[in-house]
Amino acid sequence: MHTKITILCLFIVGLIAGCASLQERRAFKIKSYVKVFSTVVGTKCITDVKNKNQSICIETEFTSSGSGSIVHQTKDETSILTAAHVCLYDLPDEIEKEFDKIERKYKIQTSDKKIREVFLRKISPGFKNNKGIDLCLLNSPKLDLPKLHLSSQGPKLGERIYNMASPHGSYNPPAPIMFSGHYSGENENGPECIVTLPSAPGSSGSPLLNSRGELVGLVFAVNMELSTLTMCVKYTTLKEFLDASL
């Protein structure tokens, strides 16, 4: 009898845990996630040897990718949040000097597998040469996709945090790669925080979420010697940027 009661209790506990897990999965708006492509277009023009009055111009594209999420919608536009260094992807000086003109272009891949052109809206003030607050907003014509909601409060020390990202460019729409870890504190005098979840190049700009699927931070860097030591833009800094920008 005792054994049967024990088994039943474990079964009930399993059901409760399963329901909680299902509730969490439903909380995550995976269709709000986007993969971000930042392209530098270099143009080199040379004089046509047959016609000295004409030039032949050749364009070369260099593309990197990061992560982002939809954070705001109007009747006409959609705003996408990512990291500033994703928006300001730079070529090495020795390559850039080979071109006469440099332009930037941005695209996103959404959960419906479509590639869409987007436009730079705002870089966080003071960000230059990978210094300062690492935040960027891109704009798109209105997308029929859900947005993430900013939490009313920041995460607590030790709280489980979730992440939707494209590490090393990995993305299989409509499902982003998902990770979880623990919130491990913030820099009181700076914009940074730490979470113990895996990240890699390509995760930059990805949203950090609480168990209700609400936005509480953004990934911008990782310790390459310990990939579960991930740096993030802390909640208060992110909130100030969004409040001032949207």
Protein backbone atom coordinates (compact mmCIF):
# COMPACT_ATOMS: atom_id res chain seq x y z
CA MET A 1 0.00 0.00 0.00
CA HIS A 2 2.79 2.35 0.95
CA THR A 3 4.52 1.68 -2.39
CA LYS A 4 1.35 2.46 -4.35
CA ILE A 5 0.88 5.74 -2.50
CA THR A 6 4.49 6.70 -3.22
CA ILE A 7 4.11 5.97 -6.92
CA LEU A 8 0.87 7.94 -7.10
CA CYS A 9 2.45 10.93 -5.39
CA LEU A 10 5.36 10.85 -7.80
CA PHE A 11 2.92 10.62 -10.71
CA ILE A 12 1.02 13.68 -9.47
CA VAL A 13 4.24 15.62 -8.96
CA GLY A 14 5.23 14.69 -12.51
CA LEU A 15 1.95 16.02 -13.85
CA ILE A 16 2.38 19.31 -12.00
CA ALA A 17 5.95 19.70 -13.24
CA GLY A 18 4.85 18.83 -16.77
CA CYS A 19 2.09 21.44 -16.68
CA ALA A 20 4.51 24.06 -15.38
CA SER A 21 6.97 23.21 -18.13
CA LEU A 22 4.21 23.41 -20.76
CA GLN A 23 3.11 26.76 -19.33
CA GLU A 24 6.64 28.09 -19.67
CA ARG A 25 6.94 26.87 -23.26
CA ARG A 26 3.67 28.58 -24.16
CA ALA A 27 4.95 31.82 -22.59
CA PHE A 28 7.80 32.13 -25.07
CA LYS A 29 6.82 34.06 -28.18
CA ILE A 30 9.26 32.29 -30.49
CA LYS A 31 7.85 34.09 -33.54
CA SER A 32 9.09 37.38 -32.10
CA TYR A 33 12.67 36.16 -32.66
CA VAL A 34 14.58 37.20 -35.81
CA LYS A 35 18.01 36.44 -37.19
CA VAL A 36 19.83 39.64 -38.15
CA PHE A 37 22.14 40.03 -41.14
CA SER A 38 24.51 43.00 -41.27
CA THR A 39 26.19 43.53 -44.64
CA VAL A 40 29.02 45.86 -45.57
CA VAL A 41 29.04 46.66 -49.28
CA GLY A 42 32.41 47.79 -50.60
CA THR A 43 32.57 49.50 -54.01
CA LYS A 44 35.78 49.71 -56.06
CA CYS A 45 35.82 51.69 -59.30
CA ILE A 46 38.52 51.53 -61.97
CA THR A 47 38.88 53.44 -65.23
CA ASP A 48 37.79 51.59 -68.35
CA VAL A 49 40.96 51.03 -70.41
CA LYS A 50 38.98 51.35 -73.66
CA ASN A 51 37.02 54.44 -72.66
CA LYS A 52 38.91 56.73 -70.31
CA ASN A 53 35.73 58.72 -69.58
CA GLN A 54 33.99 55.72 -68.01
CA SER A 55 34.59 53.69 -64.89
CA ILE A 56 33.84 50.09 -64.09
CA CYS A 57 32.58 49.66 -60.53
CA ILE A 58 32.49 46.36 -58.72
CA GLU A 59 30.62 45.72 -55.47
CA THR A 60 31.73 43.16 -52.89
CA GLU A 61 29.55 42.15 -49.96
CA PHE A 62 30.71 41.03 -46.52
CA THR A 63 27.97 39.69 -44.24
CA SER A 64 27.84 38.75 -40.57
CA SER A 65 24.86 37.58 -38.56
CA GLY A 66 23.48 38.12 -35.08
CA SER A 67 20.23 37.77 -33.19
CA GLY A 68 17.32 40.07 -32.51
CA SER A 69 13.71 40.32 -31.39
CA ILE A 70 10.60 42.31 -32.20
CA VAL A 71 9.94 44.76 -29.36
CA HIS A 72 7.53 47.36 -30.76
CA GLN A 73 4.76 47.69 -33.34
CA THR A 74 2.85 50.63 -34.80
CA LYS A 75 0.26 50.54 -37.57
CA ASP A 76 3.06 51.09 -40.10
CA GLU A 77 6.34 49.89 -38.59
CA THR A 78 7.97 47.16 -36.56
CA SER A 79 11.04 47.77 -34.37
CA ILE A 80 13.69 45.09 -33.84
CA LEU A 81 16.14 45.11 -30.94
CA THR A 82 19.69 43.80 -31.36
CA ALA A 83 23.25 44.64 -30.27
CA ALA A 84 24.99 47.79 -31.49
CA HIS A 85 28.06 45.88 -32.63
CA VAL A 86 25.82 43.74 -34.85
CA CYS A 87 24.57 46.93 -36.55
CA LEU A 88 28.08 48.39 -36.74
CA TYR A 89 29.83 45.34 -38.17
CA ASP A 90 33.21 46.61 -39.44
CA LEU A 91 35.73 45.30 -41.93
CA PRO A 92 39.40 45.09 -40.98
CA ASP A 93 41.19 48.33 -41.90
CA GLU A 94 43.44 46.59 -44.43
CA ILE A 95 40.37 45.36 -46.34
CA GLU A 96 38.25 48.51 -46.02
CA LYS A 97 40.98 50.74 -47.49
CA GLU A 98 40.82 48.75 -50.73
CA PHE A 99 37.38 50.22 -51.52
CA ASP A 100 36.32 53.66 -52.69
CA LYS A 101 32.95 53.57 -50.92
CA ILE A 102 31.48 51.63 -48.02
CA GLU A 103 27.74 51.20 -47.38
CA ARG A 104 25.75 49.18 -44.85
CA LYS A 105 22.64 47.10 -45.44
CA TYR A 106 20.49 45.13 -43.01
CA LYS A 107 18.16 42.17 -43.40
CA ILE A 108 16.30 39.86 -41.05
CA GLN A 109 15.06 36.30 -41.33
CA THR A 110 11.71 35.87 -39.61
CA SER A 111 9.89 32.82 -38.29
CA ASP A 112 8.10 32.34 -41.64
CA LYS A 113 11.53 31.80 -43.26
CA LYS A 114 11.29 35.05 -45.24
CA ILE A 115 14.24 37.41 -45.66
CA ARG A 116 13.26 41.05 -45.30
CA GLU A 117 15.21 44.27 -45.73
CA VAL A 118 15.27 46.50 -42.65
CA PHE A 119 16.72 49.89 -41.84
CA LEU A 120 18.85 51.33 -39.07
CA ARG A 121 16.79 53.34 -36.60
CA LYS A 122 19.04 54.06 -33.64
CA ILE A 123 22.37 53.13 -32.10
CA SER A 124 22.68 53.57 -28.36
CA PRO A 125 24.27 56.99 -27.70
CA GLY A 126 27.96 56.82 -26.94
CA PHE A 127 28.56 53.43 -28.53
CA LYS A 128 31.74 53.56 -30.59
CA ASN A 129 34.47 51.04 -31.26
CA ASN A 130 32.70 48.42 -29.11
CA LYS A 131 32.56 50.78 -26.13
CA GLY A 132 29.46 52.00 -24.31
CA ILE A 133 25.98 50.52 -24.21
CA ASP A 134 25.67 47.79 -26.84
CA LEU A 135 22.12 48.35 -28.11
CA CYS A 136 20.59 48.99 -31.54
CA LEU A 137 17.11 49.32 -33.04
CA LEU A 138 16.24 48.37 -36.61
CA ASN A 139 12.98 49.27 -38.34
CA SER A 140 10.89 47.30 -40.81
CA PRO A 141 7.57 47.88 -42.54
CA LYS A 142 4.86 46.40 -40.29
CA LEU A 143 5.29 42.66 -39.71
CA ASP A 144 2.36 40.47 -38.78
CA LEU A 145 4.31 38.85 -35.94
CA PRO A 146 4.13 39.05 -32.12
CA LYS A 147 6.35 41.33 -30.07
CA LEU A 148 8.13 40.73 -26.79
CA HIS A 149 6.93 42.67 -23.75
CA LEU A 150 9.43 44.27 -21.40
CA SER A 151 9.11 42.95 -17.86
CA SER A 152 7.87 45.35 -15.18
CA GLN A 153 10.94 44.47 -13.11
CA GLY A 154 14.43 43.08 -13.54
CA PRO A 155 15.51 39.52 -12.72
CA LYS A 156 16.57 38.51 -9.22
CA LEU A 157 19.89 36.94 -8.32
CA GLY A 158 19.73 33.21 -9.07
CA GLU A 159 16.53 33.45 -11.11
CA ARG A 160 16.32 31.11 -14.11
CA ILE A 161 16.68 33.04 -17.36
CA TYR A 162 15.93 31.89 -20.91
CA ASN A 163 17.49 32.85 -24.23
CA MET A 164 16.49 32.63 -27.91
CA ALA A 165 19.50 32.90 -30.20
CA SER A 166 21.37 31.87 -33.36
CA PRO A 167 24.81 30.79 -32.11
CA HIS A 168 27.18 30.36 -35.06
CA GLY A 169 24.27 31.37 -37.31
CA SER A 170 22.11 28.36 -36.35
CA TYR A 171 18.40 28.99 -36.97
CA ASN A 172 15.66 26.60 -38.05
CA PRO A 173 12.49 28.74 -38.39
CA PRO A 174 10.10 29.00 -36.75
CA ALA A 175 12.03 27.71 -33.70
CA PRO A 176 15.12 29.61 -32.53
CA ILE A 177 17.77 27.78 -30.52
CA MET A 178 16.80 28.05 -26.84
CA PHE A 179 19.00 28.01 -23.76
CA SER A 180 18.56 28.59 -20.06
CA GLY A 181 20.78 29.53 -17.15
CA HIS A 182 20.79 31.66 -14.01
CA TYR A 183 20.98 35.39 -13.51
CA SER A 184 24.25 36.04 -11.70
CA GLY A 185 24.22 39.74 -10.92
CA GLU A 186 25.01 43.11 -12.47
CA ASN A 187 27.53 45.90 -12.46
CA GLU A 188 26.00 48.61 -10.26
CA ASN A 189 28.05 51.33 -11.96
CA GLY A 190 27.80 50.06 -15.54
CA PRO A 191 25.36 48.61 -18.06
CA GLU A 192 26.51 44.98 -17.80
CA CYS A 193 25.11 41.87 -16.18
CA ILE A 194 26.05 38.17 -16.19
CA VAL A 195 23.99 35.06 -16.94
CA THR A 196 25.23 31.48 -16.84
CA LEU A 197 23.86 30.21 -20.14
CA PRO A 198 25.70 29.07 -23.29
CA SER A 199 26.33 31.58 -26.05
CA ALA A 200 28.65 31.96 -29.02
CA PRO A 201 29.29 34.33 -31.94
CA GLY A 202 25.87 34.87 -33.53
CA SER A 203 24.15 35.07 -30.12
CA SER A 204 24.85 38.80 -29.88
CA GLY A 205 21.64 40.81 -29.71
CA SER A 206 19.55 37.87 -28.52
CA PRO A 207 16.85 38.47 -25.90
CA LEU A 208 16.98 37.27 -22.32
CA LEU A 209 13.59 36.27 -20.94
CA ASN A 210 12.07 35.40 -17.59
CA SER A 211 9.78 32.38 -17.09
CA ARG A 212 6.81 34.46 -18.29
CA GLY A 213 8.54 35.14 -21.60
CA GLU A 214 9.13 38.82 -20.76
CA LEU A 215 12.25 40.68 -21.87
CA VAL A 216 14.75 41.28 -19.05
CA GLY A 217 18.09 41.75 -20.85
CA LEU A 218 20.14 41.28 -24.01
CA VAL A 219 23.25 39.21 -24.80
CA PHE A 220 26.25 41.10 -26.16
CA ALA A 221 29.39 39.09 -25.34
CA VAL A 222 30.69 35.74 -24.12
CA ASN A 223 33.83 34.56 -22.34
CA MET A 224 35.49 32.45 -25.07
CA GLU A 225 37.27 30.31 -22.46
CA LEU A 226 34.01 29.61 -20.60
CA SER A 227 31.05 29.72 -23.00
CA THR A 228 28.46 29.61 -20.21
CA LEU A 229 29.73 32.92 -18.82
CA THR A 230 27.64 35.31 -20.91
CA MET A 231 27.63 39.08 -20.67
CA CYS A 232 24.38 40.96 -21.01
CA VAL A 233 22.93 44.45 -21.03
CA LYS A 234 21.15 44.74 -17.69
CA TYR A 235 17.43 45.36 -17.31
CA THR A 236 17.53 48.99 -16.10
CA THR A 237 19.85 50.05 -18.94
CA LEU A 238 17.71 48.25 -21.52
CA LYS A 239 14.52 49.83 -20.14
CA GLU A 240 16.02 53.33 -20.27
CA PHE A 241 17.07 52.81 -23.91
CA LEU A 242 13.67 51.50 -24.99
CA ASP A 243 11.75 54.16 -23.06
CA ALA A 244 13.80 56.87 -24.74
CA SER A 245 13.64 55.31 -28.22
CA LEU A 246 10.11 53.97 -28.70
